[in-house]
C-alpha atoms as a PDB file:
ATOM      1  CA  MET A   1      -5.775 -26.100   0.604  1.00  0.00           C
ATOM      2  CA  ASN A   2      -2.277 -26.410  -0.825  1.00  0.00           C
ATOM      3  CA  SER A   3      -0.307 -27.257   2.332  1.00  0.00           C
ATOM      4  CA  THR A   4       3.063 -26.795   0.602  1.00  0.00           C
ATOM      5  CA  ASN A   5       2.200 -23.242  -0.482  1.00  0.00           C
ATOM      6  CA  LEU A   6       0.709 -22.508   2.935  1.00  0.00           C
ATOM      7  CA  GLU A   7       4.030 -23.379   4.564  1.00  0.00           C
ATOM      8  CA  LEU A   8       5.793 -21.249   1.966  1.00  0.00           C
ATOM      9  CA  PHE A   9       3.555 -18.340   2.972  1.00  0.00           C
ATOM     10  CA  TRP A  10       4.530 -18.672   6.642  1.00  0.00           C
ATOM     11  CA  TYR A  11       8.152 -19.096   5.528  1.00  0.00           C
ATOM     12  CA  TRP A  12       7.950 -15.859   3.504  1.00  0.00           C
ATOM     13  CA  ILE A  13       6.607 -13.915   6.509  1.00  0.00           C
ATOM     14  CA  ARG A  14       9.336 -15.271   8.798  1.00  0.00           C
ATOM     15  CA  GLN A  15      12.128 -14.588   6.317  1.00  0.00           C
ATOM     16  CA  ARG A  16      10.934 -11.103   5.375  1.00  0.00           C
ATOM     17  CA  GLU A  17      10.673 -10.033   9.008  1.00  0.00           C
ATOM     18  CA  LEU A  18      14.104 -11.528   9.724  1.00  0.00           C
ATOM     19  CA  ILE A  19      15.559  -9.509   6.843  1.00  0.00           C
ATOM     20  CA  ARG A  20      14.113  -6.311   8.337  1.00  0.00           C
ATOM     21  CA  ILE A  21      15.518  -7.072  11.782  1.00  0.00           C
ATOM     22  CA  ARG A  22      18.981  -7.962  10.503  1.00  0.00           C
ATOM     23  CA  LYS A  23      19.100  -4.907   8.268  1.00  0.00           C
ATOM     24  CA  GLU A  24      18.035  -2.552  11.074  1.00  0.00           C
ATOM     25  CA  GLU A  25      20.669  -4.105  13.339  1.00  0.00           C
ATOM     26  CA  GLY A  26      23.290  -3.026  10.808  1.00  0.00           C
ATOM     27  CA  LEU A  27      24.325  -6.537   9.842  1.00  0.00           C
ATOM     28  CA  PRO A  28      25.923  -6.940   6.404  1.00  0.00           C
ATOM     29  CA  ARG A  29      24.116  -8.446   3.437  1.00  0.00           C
ATOM     30  CA  PRO A  30      22.913 -11.009   2.648  1.00  0.00           C
ATOM     31  CA  TRP A  31      20.267 -10.987   5.365  1.00  0.00           C
ATOM     32  CA  THR A  32      18.769 -14.224   4.076  1.00  0.00           C
ATOM     33  CA  GLY A  33      19.900 -17.319   2.238  1.00  0.00           C
ATOM     34  CA  ASP A  34      16.858 -17.218  -0.022  1.00  0.00           C
ATOM     35  CA  PRO A  35      18.019 -16.188  -3.530  1.00  0.00           C
ATOM     36  CA  ILE A  36      14.619 -14.727  -4.472  1.00  0.00           C
ATOM     37  CA  LEU A  37      14.431 -12.559  -1.361  1.00  0.00           C
ATOM     38  CA  GLN A  38      18.035 -11.496  -1.971  1.00  0.00           C
ATOM     39  CA  ALA A  39      17.431 -10.450  -5.567  1.00  0.00           C
ATOM     40  CA  TYR A  40      13.954  -8.897  -5.637  1.00  0.00           C
ATOM     41  CA  HIS A  41      12.164  -6.144  -3.767  1.00  0.00           C
ATOM     42  CA  PHE A  42       9.408  -7.117  -1.331  1.00  0.00           C
ATOM     43  CA  CYS A  43       7.484  -4.893   1.078  1.00  0.00           C
ATOM     44  CA  ASN A  44       7.767  -5.551   4.793  1.00  0.00           C
ATOM     45  CA  VAL A  45       5.433  -7.744   6.812  1.00  0.00           C
ATOM     46  CA  HIS A  46       4.221  -4.604   8.569  1.00  0.00           C
ATOM     47  CA  ARG A  47       3.542  -1.995   5.912  1.00  0.00           C
ATOM     48  CA  GLU A  48       4.506   0.824   8.296  1.00  0.00           C
ATOM     49  CA  ASP A  49       8.099  -0.464   8.253  1.00  0.00           C
ATOM     50  CA  ASP A  50       8.416   0.311   4.525  1.00  0.00           C
ATOM     51  CA  ARG A  51      10.667   3.211   3.629  1.00  0.00           C
ATOM     52  CA  GLY A  52       8.172   4.646   1.139  1.00  0.00           C
ATOM     53  CA  THR A  53       5.379   4.664   3.718  1.00  0.00           C
ATOM     54  CA  LYS A  54       7.619   6.398   6.262  1.00  0.00           C
ATOM     55  CA  GLU A  55       8.565   9.038   3.697  1.00  0.00           C
ATOM     56  CA  ILE A  56       4.938   9.760   2.787  1.00  0.00           C
ATOM     57  CA  HIS A  57       4.012  10.114   6.477  1.00  0.00           C
ATOM     58  CA  ALA A  58       6.955  12.485   7.000  1.00  0.00           C
ATOM     59  CA  VAL A  59       5.987  14.689   4.043  1.00  0.00           C
ATOM     60  CA  ILE A  60       2.365  14.982   5.134  1.00  0.00           C
ATOM     61  CA  ARG A  61       3.334  15.739   8.737  1.00  0.00           C
ATOM     62  CA  GLY A  62       5.476  18.565   7.383  1.00  0.00           C
ATOM     63  CA  TYR A  63       2.487  20.107   5.592  1.00  0.00           C
ATOM     64  CA  GLY A  64      -0.004  19.522   8.402  1.00  0.00           C
ATOM     65  CA  ASN A  65       0.005  23.127   9.583  1.00  0.00           C
ATOM     66  CA  ASN A  66      -0.523  24.408   6.038  1.00  0.00           C
ATOM     67  CA  PHE A  67      -3.642  22.467   5.120  1.00  0.00           C
ATOM     68  CA  GLY A  68      -4.980  21.361   8.518  1.00  0.00           C
ATOM     69  CA  ILE A  69      -6.000  17.999   9.902  1.00  0.00           C
ATOM     70  CA  THR A  70      -9.183  17.722   7.797  1.00  0.00           C
ATOM     71  CA  ALA A  71      -6.978  17.653   4.686  1.00  0.00           C
ATOM     72  CA  LEU A  72      -5.389  14.316   5.625  1.00  0.00           C
ATOM     73  CA  PRO A  73      -7.732  12.137   3.496  1.00  0.00           C
ATOM     74  CA  TRP A  74      -6.996  13.977   0.261  1.00  0.00           C
ATOM     75  CA  MET A  75      -3.298  14.445   1.064  1.00  0.00           C
ATOM     76  CA  TYR A  76      -2.868  10.719   1.619  1.00  0.00           C
ATOM     77  CA  THR A  77      -4.860  10.059  -1.559  1.00  0.00           C
ATOM     78  CA  ALA A  78      -2.333  12.160  -3.464  1.00  0.00           C
ATOM     79  CA  GLY A  79       0.476  10.440  -1.581  1.00  0.00           C
ATOM     80  CA  ARG A  80      -0.661   6.973  -2.618  1.00  0.00           C
ATOM     81  CA  MET A  81      -1.418   7.919  -6.208  1.00  0.00           C
ATOM     82  CA  PHE A  82       2.098   9.278  -6.697  1.00  0.00           C
ATOM     83  CA  ASN A  83       3.547   6.844  -4.131  1.00  0.00           C
ATOM     84  CA  TYR A  84       6.751   8.846  -4.415  1.00  0.00           C
ATOM     85  CA  ALA A  85       7.730  11.383  -1.751  1.00  0.00           C
ATOM     86  CA  PRO A  86       9.497  13.951  -4.014  1.00  0.00           C
ATOM     87  CA  SER A  87       6.396  14.167  -6.239  1.00  0.00           C
ATOM     88  CA  LEU A  88       4.158  14.534  -3.196  1.00  0.00           C
ATOM     89  CA  ILE A  89       6.362  17.376  -1.931  1.00  0.00           C
ATOM     90  CA  CYS A  90       6.094  19.115  -5.312  1.00  0.00           C
ATOM     91  CA  PHE A  91       2.325  18.594  -5.441  1.00  0.00           C
ATOM     92  CA  LEU A  92       1.652  19.978  -1.960  1.00  0.00           C
ATOM     93  CA  THR A  93       4.145  22.842  -2.259  1.00  0.00           C
ATOM     94  CA  GLU A  94       2.831  24.097  -5.574  1.00  0.00           C
ATOM     95  CA  LEU A  95      -0.775  23.611  -4.513  1.00  0.00           C
ATOM     96  CA  TRP A  96      -0.128  25.728  -1.417  1.00  0.00           C
ATOM     97  CA  CYS A  97       1.866  28.406  -3.239  1.00  0.00           C
ATOM     98  CA  GLY A  98      -0.074  28.811  -6.447  1.00  0.00           C
ATOM     99  CA  GLY A  99      -2.840  26.298  -6.940  1.00  0.00           C
ATOM    100  CA  GLU A 100      -3.528  23.659  -9.562  1.00  0.00           C
ATOM    101  CA  GLU A 101      -2.033  25.508 -12.538  1.00  0.00           C
ATOM    102  CA  LEU A 102       1.297  25.811 -10.762  1.00  0.00           C
ATOM    103  CA  VAL A 103       1.104  22.090  -9.963  1.00  0.00           C
ATOM    104  CA  ARG A 104       0.553  21.277 -13.639  1.00  0.00           C
ATOM    105  CA  ALA A 105       3.358  23.583 -14.773  1.00  0.00           C
ATOM    106  CA  SER A 106       5.842  22.093 -12.317  1.00  0.00           C
ATOM    107  CA  PHE A 107       5.048  18.523 -13.298  1.00  0.00           C
ATOM    108  CA  ARG A 108       5.226  19.392 -17.010  1.00  0.00           C
ATOM    109  CA  GLU A 109       8.726  20.716 -16.381  1.00  0.00           C
ATOM    110  CA  MET A 110       9.663  17.608 -14.397  1.00  0.00           C
ATOM    111  CA  LYS A 111       8.383  15.375 -17.187  1.00  0.00           C
ATOM    112  CA  ALA A 112      10.272  17.381 -19.849  1.00  0.00           C
ATOM    113  CA  ASN A 113      13.465  16.964 -17.825  1.00  0.00           C
ATOM    114  CA  GLY A 114      12.934  13.225 -17.614  1.00  0.00           C
ATOM    115  CA  ASN A 115      12.363  13.214 -13.860  1.00  0.00           C
ATOM    116  CA  LYS A 116      10.519  10.398 -12.138  1.00  0.00           C
ATOM    117  CA  ILE A 117       6.960  11.310 -11.142  1.00  0.00           C
ATOM    118  CA  PHE A 118       5.174   8.069 -10.235  1.00  0.00           C
ATOM    119  CA  HIS A 119       6.606   5.134  -8.319  1.00  0.00           C
ATOM    120  CA  THR A 120       6.305   1.802 -10.082  1.00  0.00           C
ATOM    121  CA  ALA A 121       5.085  -0.062  -6.978  1.00  0.00           C
ATOM    122  CA  TYR A 122       1.436   0.691  -7.822  1.00  0.00           C
ATOM    123  CA  VAL A 123       0.075   0.846 -11.337  1.00  0.00           C
ATOM    124  CA  VAL A 124      -2.208   3.883 -11.210  1.00  0.00           C
ATOM    125  CA  SER A 125      -4.162   4.221 -14.432  1.00  0.00           C
ATOM    126  CA  THR A 126      -6.523   6.941 -15.619  1.00  0.00           C
ATOM    127  CA  CYS A 127      -9.387   4.413 -15.760  1.00  0.00           C
ATOM    128  CA  GLY A 128      -9.588   4.665 -19.538  1.00  0.00           C
ATOM    129  CA  LYS A 129      -9.820   8.463 -19.635  1.00  0.00           C
ATOM    130  CA  SER A 130      -7.800  10.386 -22.229  1.00  0.00           C
ATOM    131  CA  ILE A 131      -6.207  12.658 -19.676  1.00  0.00           C
ATOM    132  CA  ASP A 132      -2.725  13.452 -18.412  1.00  0.00           C
ATOM    133  CA  LYS A 133      -1.911  11.345 -15.368  1.00  0.00           C
ATOM    134  CA  VAL A 134      -1.136  14.363 -13.166  1.00  0.00           C
ATOM    135  CA  ASP A 135      -4.437  15.965 -14.203  1.00  0.00           C
ATOM    136  CA  TYR A 136      -6.123  12.723 -13.222  1.00  0.00           C
ATOM    137  CA  VAL A 137      -4.515  12.829  -9.767  1.00  0.00           C
ATOM    138  CA  ILE A 138      -5.753  16.410  -9.341  1.00  0.00           C
ATOM    139  CA  GLU A 139      -9.240  15.312 -10.408  1.00  0.00           C
ATOM    140  CA  VAL A 140      -9.380  12.416  -7.944  1.00  0.00           C
ATOM    141  CA  VAL A 141      -7.918  14.495  -5.111  1.00  0.00           C
ATOM    142  CA  ASN A 142     -10.510  17.216  -5.678  1.00  0.00           C
ATOM    143  CA  LYS A 143     -13.299  14.637  -5.464  1.00  0.00           C
ATOM    144  CA  VAL A 144     -11.917  13.387  -2.145  1.00  0.00           C
ATOM    145  CA  ARG A 145     -11.678  16.988  -0.895  1.00  0.00           C
ATOM    146  CA  ARG A 146     -15.427  17.328  -1.389  1.00  0.00           C
ATOM    147  CA  LEU A 147     -16.226  14.162   0.562  1.00  0.00           C
ATOM    148  CA  LYS A 148     -17.149  13.964   4.200  1.00  0.00           C
ATOM    149  CA  VAL A 149     -14.668  11.236   5.118  1.00  0.00           C
ATOM    150  CA  PRO A 150     -15.450   9.658   8.510  1.00  0.00           C
ATOM    151  CA  CYS A 151     -12.707   9.522  11.139  1.00  0.00           C
ATOM    152  CA  VAL A 152     -14.226   6.470  12.887  1.00  0.00           C
ATOM    153  CA  GLY A 153     -14.749   3.126  11.167  1.00  0.00           C
ATOM    154  CA  PHE A 154     -12.294   1.562   8.723  1.00  0.00           C
ATOM    155  CA  ASP A 155     -14.983  -0.053   6.594  1.00  0.00           C
ATOM    156  CA  GLU A 156     -17.148   3.065   6.393  1.00  0.00           C
ATOM    157  CA  CYS A 157     -14.129   5.180   5.472  1.00  0.00           C
ATOM    158  CA  HIS A 158     -13.205   2.639   2.794  1.00  0.00           C
ATOM    159  CA  GLN A 159     -16.703   2.693   1.312  1.00  0.00           C
ATOM    160  CA  VAL A 160     -16.784   6.490   1.221  1.00  0.00           C
ATOM    161  CA  LEU A 161     -13.405   6.666  -0.530  1.00  0.00           C
ATOM    162  CA  MET A 162     -14.457   4.032  -3.058  1.00  0.00           C
ATOM    163  CA  SER A 163     -17.373   6.241  -4.074  1.00  0.00           C
ATOM    164  CA  VAL A 164     -14.769   8.269  -5.984  1.00  0.00           C
ATOM    165  CA  ASP A 165     -14.172   7.120  -9.547  1.00  0.00           C
ATOM    166  CA  GLY A 166     -10.493   6.187  -9.591  1.00  0.00           C
ATOM    167  CA  LEU A 167     -10.260   4.800  -6.050  1.00  0.00           C
ATOM    168  CA  GLY A 168     -10.797   1.065  -6.237  1.00  0.00           C
ATOM    169  CA  SER A 169     -10.755  -1.320  -3.289  1.00  0.00           C
ATOM    170  CA  PHE A 170      -6.972  -1.652  -3.112  1.00  0.00           C
ATOM    171  CA  LEU A 171      -6.004   2.009  -3.426  1.00  0.00           C
ATOM    172  CA  ALA A 172      -8.785   3.162  -1.092  1.00  0.00           C
ATOM    173  CA  ALA A 173      -7.582   0.607   1.469  1.00  0.00           C
ATOM    174  CA  GLN A 174      -4.052   2.021   1.240  1.00  0.00           C
ATOM    175  CA  VAL A 175      -5.427   5.453   2.142  1.00  0.00           C
ATOM    176  CA  VAL A 176      -7.414   3.890   4.999  1.00  0.00           C
ATOM    177  CA  ALA A 177      -4.197   2.293   6.288  1.00  0.00           C
ATOM    178  CA  ASP A 178      -2.376   5.630   6.162  1.00  0.00           C
ATOM    179  CA  LEU A 179      -5.198   7.447   7.939  1.00  0.00           C
ATOM    180  CA  ARG A 180      -5.296   4.679  10.521  1.00  0.00           C
ATOM    181  CA  ASN A 181      -1.582   4.672  11.181  1.00  0.00           C
ATOM    182  CA  CYS A 182      -1.222   8.451  11.390  1.00  0.00           C
ATOM    183  CA  GLY A 183      -3.856   8.385  14.165  1.00  0.00           C
ATOM    184  CA  TRP A 184      -6.594  10.254  12.285  1.00  0.00           C
ATOM    185  CA  LEU A 185      -8.866   7.255  11.667  1.00  0.00           C
ATOM    186  CA  GLU A 186     -10.054   5.057  14.531  1.00  0.00           C
ATOM    187  CA  PRO A 187     -11.568   1.568  14.292  1.00  0.00           C
ATOM    188  CA  LEU A 188     -15.155   0.765  15.089  1.00  0.00           C
ATOM    189  CA  GLY A 189     -14.202  -1.559  17.938  1.00  0.00           C
ATOM    190  CA  GLU A 190     -11.443  -4.075  18.654  1.00  0.00           C
ATOM    191  CA  TYR A 191     -12.611  -6.598  16.063  1.00  0.00           C
ATOM    192  CA  GLU A 192     -12.263  -4.107  13.207  1.00  0.00           C
ATOM    193  CA  ALA A 193      -8.890  -2.966  14.539  1.00  0.00           C
ATOM    194  CA  LYS A 194      -7.514  -6.498  14.381  1.00  0.00           C
ATOM    195  CA  TYR A 195      -9.232  -8.115  11.419  1.00  0.00           C
ATOM    196  CA  TRP A 196     -10.366  -5.475   8.934  1.00  0.00           C
ATOM    197  CA  SER A 197      -8.836  -5.474   5.472  1.00  0.00           C
ATOM    198  CA  ALA A 198      -9.952  -5.049   1.876  1.00  0.00           C
ATOM    199  CA  PRO A 199      -8.988  -7.213  -1.087  1.00  0.00           C
ATOM    200  CA  GLY A 200      -6.791  -6.208  -3.964  1.00  0.00           C
ATOM    201  CA  PRO A 201      -5.623  -8.135  -7.024  1.00  0.00           C
ATOM    202  CA  GLY A 202      -2.312  -9.125  -5.416  1.00  0.00           C
ATOM    203  CA  SER A 203      -3.875 -10.512  -2.247  1.00  0.00           C
ATOM    204  CA  ILE A 204      -6.414 -12.473  -4.316  1.00  0.00           C
ATOM    205  CA  LYS A 205      -3.521 -14.045  -6.235  1.00  0.00           C
ATOM    206  CA  GLY A 206      -1.760 -14.827  -2.959  1.00  0.00           C
ATOM    207  CA  LEU A 207      -4.851 -16.558  -1.599  1.00  0.00           C
ATOM    208  CA  ASN A 208      -5.180 -18.551  -4.813  1.00  0.00           C
ATOM    209  CA  TYR A 209      -1.725 -20.036  -4.353  1.00  0.00           C
ATOM    210  CA  ILE A 210      -2.842 -21.332  -0.942  1.00  0.00           C
ATOM    211  CA  PHE A 211      -6.529 -22.162  -1.340  1.00  0.00           C
ATOM    212  CA  GLY A 212      -7.475 -21.884  -4.999  1.00  0.00           C
ATOM    213  CA  GLY A 213     -10.809 -20.399  -6.018  1.00  0.00           C
ATOM    214  CA  ALA A 214     -10.132 -17.066  -4.327  1.00  0.00           C
ATOM    215  CA  THR A 215     -12.248 -14.167  -5.564  1.00  0.00           C
ATOM    216  CA  TYR A 216     -13.325 -10.804  -4.204  1.00  0.00           C
ATOM    217  CA  THR A 217     -16.388 -12.621  -2.838  1.00  0.00           C
ATOM    218  CA  THR A 218     -14.509 -15.459  -1.112  1.00  0.00           C
ATOM    219  CA  TYR A 219     -11.679 -13.228   0.121  1.00  0.00           C
ATOM    220  CA  TYR A 220     -13.038 -12.665   3.631  1.00  0.00           C
ATOM    221  CA  PRO A 221     -13.736 -16.275   4.688  1.00  0.00           C
ATOM    222  CA  LEU A 222     -10.370 -17.363   3.281  1.00  0.00           C
ATOM    223  CA  VAL A 223      -8.486 -14.626   5.146  1.00  0.00           C
ATOM    224  CA  ASP A 224     -10.387 -15.556   8.325  1.00  0.00           C
ATOM    225  CA  ASN A 225      -9.241 -19.144   7.770  1.00  0.00           C
ATOM    226  CA  LEU A 226      -5.630 -17.978   7.544  1.00  0.00           C
ATOM    227  CA  TYR A 227      -5.964 -16.237  10.897  1.00  0.00           C
ATOM    228  CA  TYR A 228      -7.426 -19.385  12.422  1.00  0.00           C
ATOM    229  CA  ILE A 229      -4.480 -21.570  11.329  1.00  0.00           C
ATOM    230  CA  MET A 230      -1.743 -18.973  11.833  1.00  0.00           C
ATOM    231  CA  PRO A 231       1.290 -20.444  13.698  1.00  0.00           C
ATOM    232  CA  PRO A 232       1.998 -19.029  17.183  1.00  0.00           C
ATOM    233  CA  ASP A 233       5.281 -17.358  16.181  1.00  0.00           C
ATOM    234  CA  ILE A 234       3.506 -15.518  13.343  1.00  0.00           C
ATOM    235  CA  LYS A 235       0.697 -14.459  15.692  1.00  0.00           C
ATOM    236  CA  ALA A 236       3.348 -13.065  18.034  1.00  0.00           C
ATOM    237  CA  MET A 237       4.294 -10.566  15.312  1.00  0.00           C
ATOM    238  CA  ASN A 238       0.936  -8.796  15.943  1.00  0.00           C
ATOM    239  CA  ILE A 239      -0.141  -8.933  12.316  1.00  0.00           C
ATOM    240  CA  HIS A 240      -3.508  -7.240  11.769  1.00  0.00           C
ATOM    241  CA  GLY A 241      -5.798  -7.680   8.788  1.00  0.00           C
ATOM    242  CA  GLN A 242      -4.215  -5.058   6.579  1.00  0.00           C
ATOM    243  CA  ASP A 243      -0.755  -6.471   7.270  1.00  0.00           C
ATOM    244  CA  LEU A 244      -1.998  -9.934   6.306  1.00  0.00           C
ATOM    245  CA  GLN A 245      -3.494  -8.577   3.082  1.00  0.00           C
ATOM    246  CA  ASN A 246      -0.153  -6.916   2.341  1.00  0.00           C
ATOM    247  CA  CYS A 247       1.726 -10.166   3.025  1.00  0.00           C
ATOM    248  CA  LEU A 248      -0.533 -12.084   0.637  1.00  0.00           C
ATOM    249  CA  CYS A 249       0.168  -9.546  -2.093  1.00  0.00           C
ATOM    250  CA  GLU A 250       3.940  -9.818  -1.587  1.00  0.00           C
ATOM    251  CA  PHE A 251       3.714 -13.613  -1.344  1.00  0.00           C
ATOM    252  CA  SER A 252       2.060 -13.696  -4.774  1.00  0.00           C
ATOM    253  CA  LYS A 253       5.168 -11.949  -6.163  1.00  0.00           C
ATOM    254  CA  TYR A 254       7.411 -14.455  -4.404  1.00  0.00           C
ATOM    255  CA  MET A 255       5.491 -17.395  -5.893  1.00  0.00           C
ATOM    256  CA  ARG A 256       5.615 -15.816  -9.334  1.00  0.00           C
ATOM    257  CA  HIS A 257       9.412 -15.657  -9.134  1.00  0.00           C
ATOM    258  CA  LEU A 258       9.613 -19.143  -7.654  1.00  0.00           C
ATOM    259  CA  ASN A 259       7.498 -20.639 -10.444  1.00  0.00           C
ATOM    260  CA  GLY A 260       9.123 -18.624 -13.229  1.00  0.00           C
ATOM    261  CA  GLU A 261       5.823 -16.977 -14.146  1.00  0.00           C
ATOM    262  CA  ASN A 262       5.601 -13.806 -16.211  1.00  0.00           C
ATOM    263  CA  GLY A 263       5.104 -10.479 -14.491  1.00  0.00           C
ATOM    264  CA  ARG A 264       6.795  -7.267 -13.427  1.00  0.00           C
ATOM    265  CA  LYS A 265      10.178  -7.690 -11.782  1.00  0.00           C
ATOM    266  CA  ARG A 266      11.449  -5.129  -9.318  1.00  0.00           C
ATOM    267  CA  TYR A 267      15.005  -5.837  -8.274  1.00  0.00           C
ATOM    268  CA  TYR A 268      16.314  -5.008  -4.823  1.00  0.00           C
ATOM    269  CA  ASP A 269      18.820  -2.199  -5.393  1.00  0.00           C
ATOM    270  CA  ARG A 270      19.458  -0.788  -1.937  1.00  0.00           C
END
């Protein structure tokens, strides 16, 4: 274990939550003395505090009466693939009004006009297929529509979603988190509610800064270890497994900036 990086991880959680609190209290910038946290964009400790997540929830609530509650899994799949509320609004509106061809036509027009379609937070590929990215979203969403997605059990729901080509562990887990936090998906007991998460490339990198040797296989025992040694003030934040996974992903970005390593840079512009 790298004790210095472990302390930096706890430091990142404390500072990021403090930034959120100070910002929501209406205090002026800077909300932290950390130059990296001042300059670059990082998600919140609790993913549900992120503006993008709130916007996606709001859009889907607005279309709930149109498509019905059983549509939530595929709607949130679309939401996370675009990860951009205006595109999700366009997708759901055109799908409701005219179907897939109207969706394609609207996005072709948006693309021709130079409008943003996908958020840069997630890199959603077409998994090597020679296909337009919007067509690929439609294809994945249609596959999810045909699934019988369980509304009890985070892990079972995750496994069912991952059966779709195009929904890897990370993206499927984002949909699970959305379904969980909108109240549609319930945990299979208290243990799953508190500790369940699924690895993604960012959280593996975050674990590697702390422990080294982190892989998709060793992810779970290492995350359990983090819970075991979590300081009391961090525990008091009521961080569950998916929050911790999210924090590890954001911490990996922080360490990349701190060490001057190559990678995507997303500046804080709000």
